[in-house]
Amino acid sequence: MATSRAQGALKANGRKFRRWDRVRFLKASAGLLRGLPRSDQQAILGAVGRVYRVRGVRATGHAELEFFAPDGTMHFVWVEPESLRLVRSVKRAAGSHLTPRSRGTRRKRRAPHRGR
């Protein structure tokens, strides 16, 4: 039985793209650009190669990306899963000296050391 879902929608571990995943926009297909004004086409082509968060996902696997053009205009586009690649985040060890502390967790100052 053939499935109608695009295989490109699946990540390396077998699941689909999900909301808030970080993806790299690899290419703008002709279908995405067809019928759009020249300024929108240029904005989309300028967004290719950058990393974005997935704002939404359709049942077909298309992911919604949001970005700003150089002129400040906000764009929302639905991109085919074949045009995206998952960007793996670098996981840092908890408590590592490289991990920044979140706000509100500042340590209390110790009392000055007094001689015995």
N, C-alpha and C. Protein backbone atom coordinates (compact mmCIF):
# COMPACT_ATOMS: atom_id res chain seq x y z
N MET A 1 0.84 -1.17 0.00
CA MET A 1 0.00 0.00 0.00
C MET A 1 0.89 1.23 0.00
N ALA A 2 0.67 2.10 -0.95
CA ALA A 2 1.49 3.31 -1.07
C ALA A 2 0.97 4.38 -0.12
N THR A 3 1.89 5.14 0.43
CA THR A 3 1.48 6.22 1.32
C THR A 3 1.54 7.54 0.58
N SER A 4 0.67 8.46 0.93
CA SER A 4 0.63 9.75 0.26
C SER A 4 1.54 10.77 0.95
N ARG A 5 2.09 10.39 2.09
CA ARG A 5 2.95 11.32 2.82
C ARG A 5 4.33 11.36 2.18
N ALA A 6 4.89 12.53 2.15
CA ALA A 6 6.23 12.69 1.58
C ALA A 6 7.26 12.08 2.49
N GLN A 7 8.16 11.28 1.93
CA GLN A 7 9.19 10.65 2.75
C GLN A 7 10.19 11.67 3.25
N GLY A 8 10.35 12.80 2.54
CA GLY A 8 11.28 13.84 2.96
C GLY A 8 10.86 14.51 4.25
N ALA A 9 9.60 14.30 4.64
CA ALA A 9 9.10 14.92 5.87
C ALA A 9 9.66 14.25 7.10
N LEU A 10 10.26 13.09 6.92
CA LEU A 10 10.77 12.35 8.06
C LEU A 10 12.19 12.78 8.38
N LYS A 11 12.48 12.84 9.66
CA LYS A 11 13.83 13.15 10.11
C LYS A 11 14.65 11.88 10.14
N ALA A 12 15.88 12.02 10.54
CA ALA A 12 16.79 10.88 10.60
C ALA A 12 16.30 9.80 11.54
N ASN A 13 15.62 10.19 12.62
CA ASN A 13 15.18 9.18 13.59
C ASN A 13 13.77 8.66 13.30
N GLY A 14 13.21 8.98 12.14
CA GLY A 14 11.93 8.41 11.72
C GLY A 14 10.70 9.20 12.08
N ARG A 15 10.83 10.35 12.68
CA ARG A 15 9.62 11.12 12.98
C ARG A 15 9.55 12.36 12.09
N LYS A 16 8.37 12.94 11.99
CA LYS A 16 8.17 14.11 11.15
C LYS A 16 8.75 15.35 11.82
N PHE A 17 8.88 16.41 11.01
CA PHE A 17 9.24 17.69 11.60
C PHE A 17 8.13 18.09 12.56
N ARG A 18 8.54 18.72 13.64
CA ARG A 18 7.56 19.20 14.61
C ARG A 18 7.73 20.69 14.82
N ARG A 19 6.74 21.29 15.40
CA ARG A 19 6.80 22.71 15.70
C ARG A 19 7.99 22.99 16.62
N TRP A 20 8.69 24.08 16.35
CA TRP A 20 9.85 24.57 17.08
C TRP A 20 11.14 23.84 16.75
N ASP A 21 11.11 22.86 15.84
CA ASP A 21 12.36 22.25 15.39
C ASP A 21 13.17 23.30 14.65
N ARG A 22 14.49 23.18 14.73
CA ARG A 22 15.37 24.07 13.98
C ARG A 22 15.73 23.38 12.67
N VAL A 23 15.48 24.07 11.55
CA VAL A 23 15.75 23.51 10.23
C VAL A 23 16.53 24.50 9.38
N ARG A 24 17.32 23.96 8.45
CA ARG A 24 18.01 24.79 7.47
C ARG A 24 17.19 24.76 6.19
N PHE A 25 16.91 25.95 5.64
CA PHE A 25 16.15 26.12 4.41
C PHE A 25 17.14 25.91 3.26
N LEU A 26 17.08 24.75 2.59
CA LEU A 26 18.08 24.37 1.59
C LEU A 26 17.85 24.97 0.22
N LYS A 27 16.61 24.99 -0.25
CA LYS A 27 16.34 25.50 -1.60
C LYS A 27 14.89 25.96 -1.70
N ALA A 28 14.67 26.90 -2.61
CA ALA A 28 13.32 27.39 -2.88
C ALA A 28 12.87 26.75 -4.19
N SER A 29 11.84 25.95 -4.14
CA SER A 29 11.37 25.25 -5.33
C SER A 29 10.65 26.22 -6.27
N ALA A 30 10.53 25.80 -7.52
CA ALA A 30 9.83 26.61 -8.52
C ALA A 30 8.36 26.79 -8.13
N GLY A 31 7.77 25.74 -7.54
CA GLY A 31 6.38 25.83 -7.12
C GLY A 31 6.16 26.85 -6.01
N LEU A 32 7.14 27.01 -5.17
CA LEU A 32 7.05 27.98 -4.07
C LEU A 32 7.10 29.41 -4.62
N LEU A 33 7.94 29.62 -5.63
CA LEU A 33 8.15 30.96 -6.16
C LEU A 33 7.14 31.36 -7.24
N ARG A 34 6.49 30.37 -7.86
CA ARG A 34 5.59 30.63 -8.97
C ARG A 34 4.43 31.54 -8.57
N GLY A 35 4.23 32.59 -9.34
CA GLY A 35 3.09 33.49 -9.14
C GLY A 35 3.29 34.57 -8.10
N LEU A 36 4.43 34.61 -7.47
CA LEU A 36 4.69 35.63 -6.45
C LEU A 36 5.29 36.89 -7.07
N PRO A 37 5.07 38.04 -6.46
CA PRO A 37 5.72 39.26 -6.93
C PRO A 37 7.24 39.14 -6.85
N ARG A 38 7.92 39.88 -7.67
CA ARG A 38 9.38 39.82 -7.74
C ARG A 38 10.03 40.08 -6.38
N SER A 39 9.50 41.04 -5.62
CA SER A 39 10.08 41.37 -4.32
C SER A 39 9.98 40.20 -3.34
N ASP A 40 8.85 39.48 -3.37
CA ASP A 40 8.68 38.31 -2.51
C ASP A 40 9.61 37.18 -2.93
N GLN A 41 9.77 36.98 -4.23
CA GLN A 41 10.68 35.95 -4.72
C GLN A 41 12.11 36.23 -4.26
N GLN A 42 12.53 37.48 -4.34
CA GLN A 42 13.88 37.85 -3.91
C GLN A 42 14.05 37.64 -2.41
N ALA A 43 13.02 37.96 -1.63
CA ALA A 43 13.09 37.78 -0.18
C ALA A 43 13.23 36.29 0.17
N ILE A 44 12.47 35.44 -0.52
CA ILE A 44 12.53 34.00 -0.25
C ILE A 44 13.89 33.45 -0.66
N LEU A 45 14.39 33.87 -1.81
CA LEU A 45 15.71 33.40 -2.26
C LEU A 45 16.81 33.87 -1.31
N GLY A 46 16.62 35.04 -0.70
CA GLY A 46 17.58 35.54 0.28
C GLY A 46 17.54 34.77 1.59
N ALA A 47 16.44 34.08 1.86
CA ALA A 47 16.29 33.30 3.09
C ALA A 47 16.90 31.91 2.97
N VAL A 48 17.19 31.48 1.76
CA VAL A 48 17.75 30.14 1.54
C VAL A 48 19.13 30.05 2.18
N GLY A 49 19.38 28.93 2.83
CA GLY A 49 20.67 28.68 3.46
C GLY A 49 20.73 29.03 4.93
N ARG A 50 19.71 29.65 5.44
CA ARG A 50 19.70 30.05 6.86
C ARG A 50 18.89 29.08 7.69
N VAL A 51 19.04 29.20 9.00
CA VAL A 51 18.35 28.31 9.94
C VAL A 51 17.15 29.04 10.54
N TYR A 52 16.02 28.34 10.59
CA TYR A 52 14.78 28.89 11.12
C TYR A 52 14.11 27.88 12.04
N ARG A 53 13.17 28.35 12.84
CA ARG A 53 12.33 27.48 13.66
C ARG A 53 11.05 27.19 12.87
N VAL A 54 10.59 25.96 12.95
CA VAL A 54 9.34 25.57 12.31
C VAL A 54 8.20 26.14 13.13
N ARG A 55 7.35 26.92 12.51
CA ARG A 55 6.22 27.55 13.21
C ARG A 55 4.96 26.69 13.16
N GLY A 56 4.88 25.80 12.19
CA GLY A 56 3.73 24.92 12.06
C GLY A 56 4.03 23.85 11.05
N VAL A 57 3.23 22.75 11.07
CA VAL A 57 3.43 21.65 10.14
C VAL A 57 2.07 21.19 9.64
N ARG A 58 1.96 21.01 8.32
CA ARG A 58 0.73 20.47 7.73
C ARG A 58 0.79 18.95 7.73
N ALA A 59 -0.34 18.31 7.48
CA ALA A 59 -0.41 16.85 7.43
C ALA A 59 0.45 16.31 6.29
N THR A 60 0.64 17.09 5.23
CA THR A 60 1.46 16.66 4.09
C THR A 60 2.95 16.74 4.39
N GLY A 61 3.32 17.35 5.52
CA GLY A 61 4.71 17.47 5.88
C GLY A 61 5.31 18.84 5.61
N HIS A 62 4.57 19.73 4.93
CA HIS A 62 5.07 21.07 4.67
C HIS A 62 5.24 21.82 5.99
N ALA A 63 6.34 22.53 6.10
CA ALA A 63 6.64 23.27 7.33
C ALA A 63 6.49 24.77 7.09
N GLU A 64 5.93 25.46 8.07
CA GLU A 64 5.77 26.91 7.97
C GLU A 64 7.00 27.58 8.58
N LEU A 65 7.64 28.43 7.79
CA LEU A 65 8.79 29.20 8.25
C LEU A 65 8.42 30.67 8.25
N GLU A 66 8.99 31.39 9.19
CA GLU A 66 8.75 32.84 9.31
C GLU A 66 10.11 33.53 9.27
N PHE A 67 10.22 34.58 8.44
CA PHE A 67 11.48 35.31 8.37
C PHE A 67 11.22 36.75 7.96
N PHE A 68 12.21 37.59 8.16
CA PHE A 68 12.14 38.99 7.79
C PHE A 68 13.03 39.25 6.59
N ALA A 69 12.52 40.01 5.62
CA ALA A 69 13.31 40.42 4.47
C ALA A 69 14.22 41.57 4.90
N PRO A 70 15.25 41.88 4.12
CA PRO A 70 16.15 42.99 4.48
C PRO A 70 15.44 44.33 4.65
N ASP A 71 14.30 44.51 3.98
CA ASP A 71 13.56 45.77 4.12
C ASP A 71 12.65 45.79 5.35
N GLY A 72 12.65 44.71 6.13
CA GLY A 72 11.87 44.65 7.37
C GLY A 72 10.51 43.98 7.21
N THR A 73 10.16 43.55 6.02
CA THR A 73 8.88 42.89 5.78
C THR A 73 8.91 41.47 6.30
N MET A 74 7.87 41.08 7.02
CA MET A 74 7.77 39.73 7.56
C MET A 74 7.14 38.82 6.51
N HIS A 75 7.69 37.62 6.35
CA HIS A 75 7.18 36.64 5.40
C HIS A 75 6.90 35.32 6.11
N PHE A 76 5.82 34.67 5.67
CA PHE A 76 5.48 33.32 6.12
C PHE A 76 5.40 32.46 4.87
N VAL A 77 6.12 31.34 4.85
CA VAL A 77 6.07 30.46 3.69
C VAL A 77 5.92 29.02 4.16
N TRP A 78 5.20 28.23 3.35
CA TRP A 78 5.07 26.80 3.60
C TRP A 78 6.05 26.11 2.67
N VAL A 79 7.01 25.40 3.23
CA VAL A 79 8.11 24.81 2.47
C VAL A 79 7.99 23.30 2.46
N GLU A 80 8.29 22.71 1.29
CA GLU A 80 8.26 21.26 1.15
C GLU A 80 9.32 20.64 2.05
N PRO A 81 9.05 19.48 2.60
CA PRO A 81 10.02 18.84 3.50
C PRO A 81 11.33 18.48 2.81
N GLU A 82 11.30 18.29 1.49
CA GLU A 82 12.53 17.96 0.76
C GLU A 82 13.49 19.14 0.72
N SER A 83 12.98 20.34 0.97
CA SER A 83 13.79 21.55 0.93
C SER A 83 14.35 21.94 2.29
N LEU A 84 14.14 21.09 3.29
CA LEU A 84 14.58 21.39 4.65
C LEU A 84 15.48 20.29 5.19
N ARG A 85 16.35 20.66 6.11
CA ARG A 85 17.19 19.69 6.82
C ARG A 85 17.20 20.05 8.29
N LEU A 86 17.01 19.05 9.13
CA LEU A 86 17.02 19.26 10.58
C LEU A 86 18.40 19.70 11.03
N VAL A 87 18.45 20.70 11.88
CA VAL A 87 19.70 21.17 12.47
C VAL A 87 19.72 20.67 13.89
N ARG A 88 20.69 19.86 14.19
CA ARG A 88 20.79 19.31 15.54
C ARG A 88 21.41 20.35 16.46
N SER A 89 20.81 20.48 17.61
CA SER A 89 21.35 21.42 18.58
C SER A 89 22.51 20.77 19.31
N VAL A 90 23.44 21.59 19.74
CA VAL A 90 24.58 21.09 20.49
C VAL A 90 24.15 20.97 21.94
N LYS A 91 24.19 19.76 22.47
CA LYS A 91 23.78 19.56 23.86
C LYS A 91 25.00 19.74 24.74
N ARG A 92 24.85 20.53 25.75
CA ARG A 92 25.94 20.75 26.70
C ARG A 92 25.63 20.01 27.99
N ALA A 93 26.66 19.61 28.65
CA ALA A 93 26.49 18.91 29.92
C ALA A 93 25.92 19.86 30.95
N ALA A 94 24.98 19.37 31.73
CA ALA A 94 24.40 20.19 32.78
C ALA A 94 25.47 20.52 33.80
N GLY A 95 25.53 21.75 34.21
CA GLY A 95 26.50 22.16 35.20
C GLY A 95 27.86 22.45 34.62
N SER A 96 27.96 22.42 33.32
CA SER A 96 29.24 22.70 32.68
C SER A 96 29.59 24.16 32.85
N HIS A 97 30.87 24.45 32.86
CA HIS A 97 31.28 25.85 32.96
C HIS A 97 30.96 26.60 31.66
N LEU A 98 30.62 25.88 30.59
CA LEU A 98 30.26 26.51 29.33
C LEU A 98 28.78 26.86 29.26
N THR A 99 28.00 26.30 30.15
CA THR A 99 26.57 26.53 30.15
C THR A 99 26.25 27.80 30.93
N PRO A 100 25.62 28.79 30.29
CA PRO A 100 25.29 30.00 31.02
C PRO A 100 24.18 29.74 32.04
N ARG A 101 24.25 30.42 33.16
CA ARG A 101 23.20 30.28 34.16
C ARG A 101 21.99 31.08 33.72
N SER A 102 20.82 30.56 34.03
CA SER A 102 19.61 31.31 33.73
C SER A 102 19.43 32.39 34.80
N ARG A 103 18.63 33.36 34.50
CA ARG A 103 18.41 34.46 35.45
C ARG A 103 17.76 33.96 36.73
N GLY A 104 18.11 34.60 37.81
CA GLY A 104 17.48 34.27 39.08
C GLY A 104 18.16 33.14 39.83
N THR A 105 19.27 32.64 39.31
CA THR A 105 19.94 31.54 40.01
C THR A 105 21.29 31.98 40.54
N ARG A 106 21.44 33.25 40.73
CA ARG A 106 22.72 33.76 41.22
C ARG A 106 22.98 33.25 42.62
N ARG A 107 24.18 32.80 42.85
CA ARG A 107 24.53 32.25 44.16
C ARG A 107 24.68 33.36 45.19
N LYS A 108 24.31 33.02 46.40
CA LYS A 108 24.46 33.99 47.49
C LYS A 108 25.92 34.12 47.86
N ARG A 109 26.30 35.29 48.26
CA ARG A 109 27.69 35.50 48.67
C ARG A 109 27.93 34.86 50.02
N ARG A 110 29.09 34.29 50.17
CA ARG A 110 29.46 33.69 51.44
C ARG A 110 29.97 34.79 52.37
N ALA A 111 29.85 34.51 53.63
CA ALA A 111 30.41 35.44 54.63
C ALA A 111 31.92 35.39 54.49
N PRO A 112 32.60 36.49 54.71
CA PRO A 112 34.04 36.48 54.59
C PRO A 112 34.67 35.49 55.57
N HIS A 113 35.74 34.85 55.17
CA HIS A 113 36.41 33.86 56.01
C HIS A 113 37.14 34.54 57.15
N ARG A 114 36.90 34.04 58.33
CA ARG A 114 37.58 34.61 59.50
C ARG A 114 38.55 33.59 60.03
N GLY A 115 39.66 34.05 60.49
CA GLY A 115 40.67 33.15 61.06
C GLY A 115 40.18 32.45 62.31
N ARG A 116 40.73 31.33 62.63
CA ARG A 116 40.29 30.57 63.80
C ARG A 116 40.95 31.02 65.03
